[in-house]
Amino acid sequence: MADFTEAIRLKPDFALAYNNRGLARLHQKDDQGAKEDLKQAIRLKPSLAQAYNNEAFSRLLQN
């Protein structure tokens, strides 16, 4: 988690770091943080298919 946060601090437009931190937050049961990170990954790089997949997975877990 700390490494992804540091990567984002150094490069705020690093979509893959947001995606990966979102996954880490899902594993930590931080649903809101995961949702925010995954949406940011999609905003930054709309072609990042795994971010869409992970965002859908996070919605599935919330239900």
C-alpha atoms as a PDB file:
ATOM      1  CA  MET A   1       0.000   0.000   0.000  1.00  0.00           C
ATOM      2  CA  ALA A   2       2.730   2.445   0.936  1.00  0.00           C
ATOM      3  CA  ASP A   3       4.618   1.772  -2.293  1.00  0.00           C
ATOM      4  CA  PHE A   4       1.540   2.468  -4.420  1.00  0.00           C
ATOM      5  CA  THR A   5       0.851   5.655  -2.483  1.00  0.00           C
ATOM      6  CA  GLU A   6       4.446   6.770  -2.985  1.00  0.00           C
ATOM      7  CA  ALA A   7       4.247   5.982  -6.714  1.00  0.00           C
ATOM      8  CA  ILE A   8       1.099   8.126  -6.954  1.00  0.00           C
ATOM      9  CA  ARG A   9       2.790  10.933  -5.024  1.00  0.00           C
ATOM     10  CA  LEU A  10       5.714  10.870  -7.447  1.00  0.00           C
ATOM     11  CA  LYS A  11       3.555  10.505 -10.556  1.00  0.00           C
ATOM     12  CA  PRO A  12      -0.054  11.597  -9.922  1.00  0.00           C
ATOM     13  CA  ASP A  13      -1.201  10.402 -13.357  1.00  0.00           C
ATOM     14  CA  PHE A  14       0.023   6.803 -12.853  1.00  0.00           C
ATOM     15  CA  ALA A  15      -3.226   4.933 -13.502  1.00  0.00           C
ATOM     16  CA  LEU A  16      -1.788   1.483 -12.826  1.00  0.00           C
ATOM     17  CA  ALA A  17      -0.677   2.554  -9.338  1.00  0.00           C
ATOM     18  CA  TYR A  18      -4.223   3.714  -8.587  1.00  0.00           C
ATOM     19  CA  ASN A  19      -5.554   0.415  -9.899  1.00  0.00           C
ATOM     20  CA  ASN A  20      -3.164  -1.622  -7.769  1.00  0.00           C
ATOM     21  CA  ARG A  21      -3.747   0.474  -4.654  1.00  0.00           C
ATOM     22  CA  GLY A  22      -7.473   0.015  -5.240  1.00  0.00           C
ATOM     23  CA  LEU A  23      -6.975  -3.750  -5.214  1.00  0.00           C
ATOM     24  CA  ALA A  24      -4.909  -3.509  -2.043  1.00  0.00           C
ATOM     25  CA  ARG A  25      -7.680  -1.486  -0.431  1.00  0.00           C
ATOM     26  CA  LEU A  26     -10.227  -4.107  -1.455  1.00  0.00           C
ATOM     27  CA  HIS A  27      -8.165  -6.736   0.363  1.00  0.00           C
ATOM     28  CA  GLN A  28      -8.066  -4.466   3.415  1.00  0.00           C
ATOM     29  CA  LYS A  29     -11.870  -4.092   3.310  1.00  0.00           C
ATOM     30  CA  ASP A  30     -11.573  -0.342   2.541  1.00  0.00           C
ATOM     31  CA  ASP A  31     -14.433  -0.343   0.049  1.00  0.00           C
ATOM     32  CA  GLN A  32     -14.722   3.433  -0.284  1.00  0.00           C
ATOM     33  CA  GLY A  33     -10.980   3.923  -0.784  1.00  0.00           C
ATOM     34  CA  ALA A  34     -10.903   1.121  -3.343  1.00  0.00           C
ATOM     35  CA  LYS A  35     -13.821   2.617  -5.235  1.00  0.00           C
ATOM     36  CA  GLU A  36     -12.141   6.041  -5.370  1.00  0.00           C
ATOM     37  CA  ASP A  37      -8.805   4.636  -6.545  1.00  0.00           C
ATOM     38  CA  LEU A  38     -10.345   2.445  -9.215  1.00  0.00           C
ATOM     39  CA  LYS A  39     -12.478   5.292 -10.560  1.00  0.00           C
ATOM     40  CA  GLN A  40      -9.378   7.491 -10.679  1.00  0.00           C
ATOM     41  CA  ALA A  41      -7.487   4.806 -12.601  1.00  0.00           C
ATOM     42  CA  ILE A  42     -10.311   4.723 -15.147  1.00  0.00           C
ATOM     43  CA  ARG A  43     -10.380   8.526 -15.427  1.00  0.00           C
ATOM     44  CA  LEU A  44      -6.650   8.661 -15.987  1.00  0.00           C
ATOM     45  CA  LYS A  45      -6.489   5.810 -18.483  1.00  0.00           C
ATOM     46  CA  PRO A  46      -9.843   4.816 -19.977  1.00  0.00           C
ATOM     47  CA  SER A  47      -8.150   2.021 -21.942  1.00  0.00           C
ATOM     48  CA  LEU A  48      -6.996   0.235 -18.759  1.00  0.00           C
ATOM     49  CA  ALA A  49      -9.332  -2.757 -18.969  1.00  0.00           C
ATOM     50  CA  GLN A  50      -8.226  -4.262 -15.657  1.00  0.00           C
ATOM     51  CA  ALA A  51      -9.381  -1.136 -13.823  1.00  0.00           C
ATOM     52  CA  TYR A  52     -12.906  -1.663 -15.188  1.00  0.00           C
ATOM     53  CA  ASN A  53     -12.754  -5.314 -14.186  1.00  0.00           C
ATOM     54  CA  ASN A  54     -11.550  -4.478 -10.694  1.00  0.00           C
ATOM     55  CA  GLU A  55     -14.154  -1.747 -10.268  1.00  0.00           C
ATOM     56  CA  ALA A  56     -16.896  -4.215 -11.228  1.00  0.00           C
ATOM     57  CA  PHE A  57     -15.422  -6.768  -8.805  1.00  0.00           C
ATOM     58  CA  SER A  58     -15.484  -4.168  -6.016  1.00  0.00           C
ATOM     59  CA  ARG A  59     -19.181  -3.560  -6.701  1.00  0.00           C
ATOM     60  CA  LEU A  60     -19.821  -7.281  -6.545  1.00  0.00           C
ATOM     61  CA  LEU A  61     -18.126  -7.497  -3.146  1.00  0.00           C
ATOM     62  CA  GLN A  62     -20.214  -4.628  -1.795  1.00  0.00           C
ATOM     63  CA  ASN A  63     -23.469  -6.456  -2.514  1.00  0.00           C
END
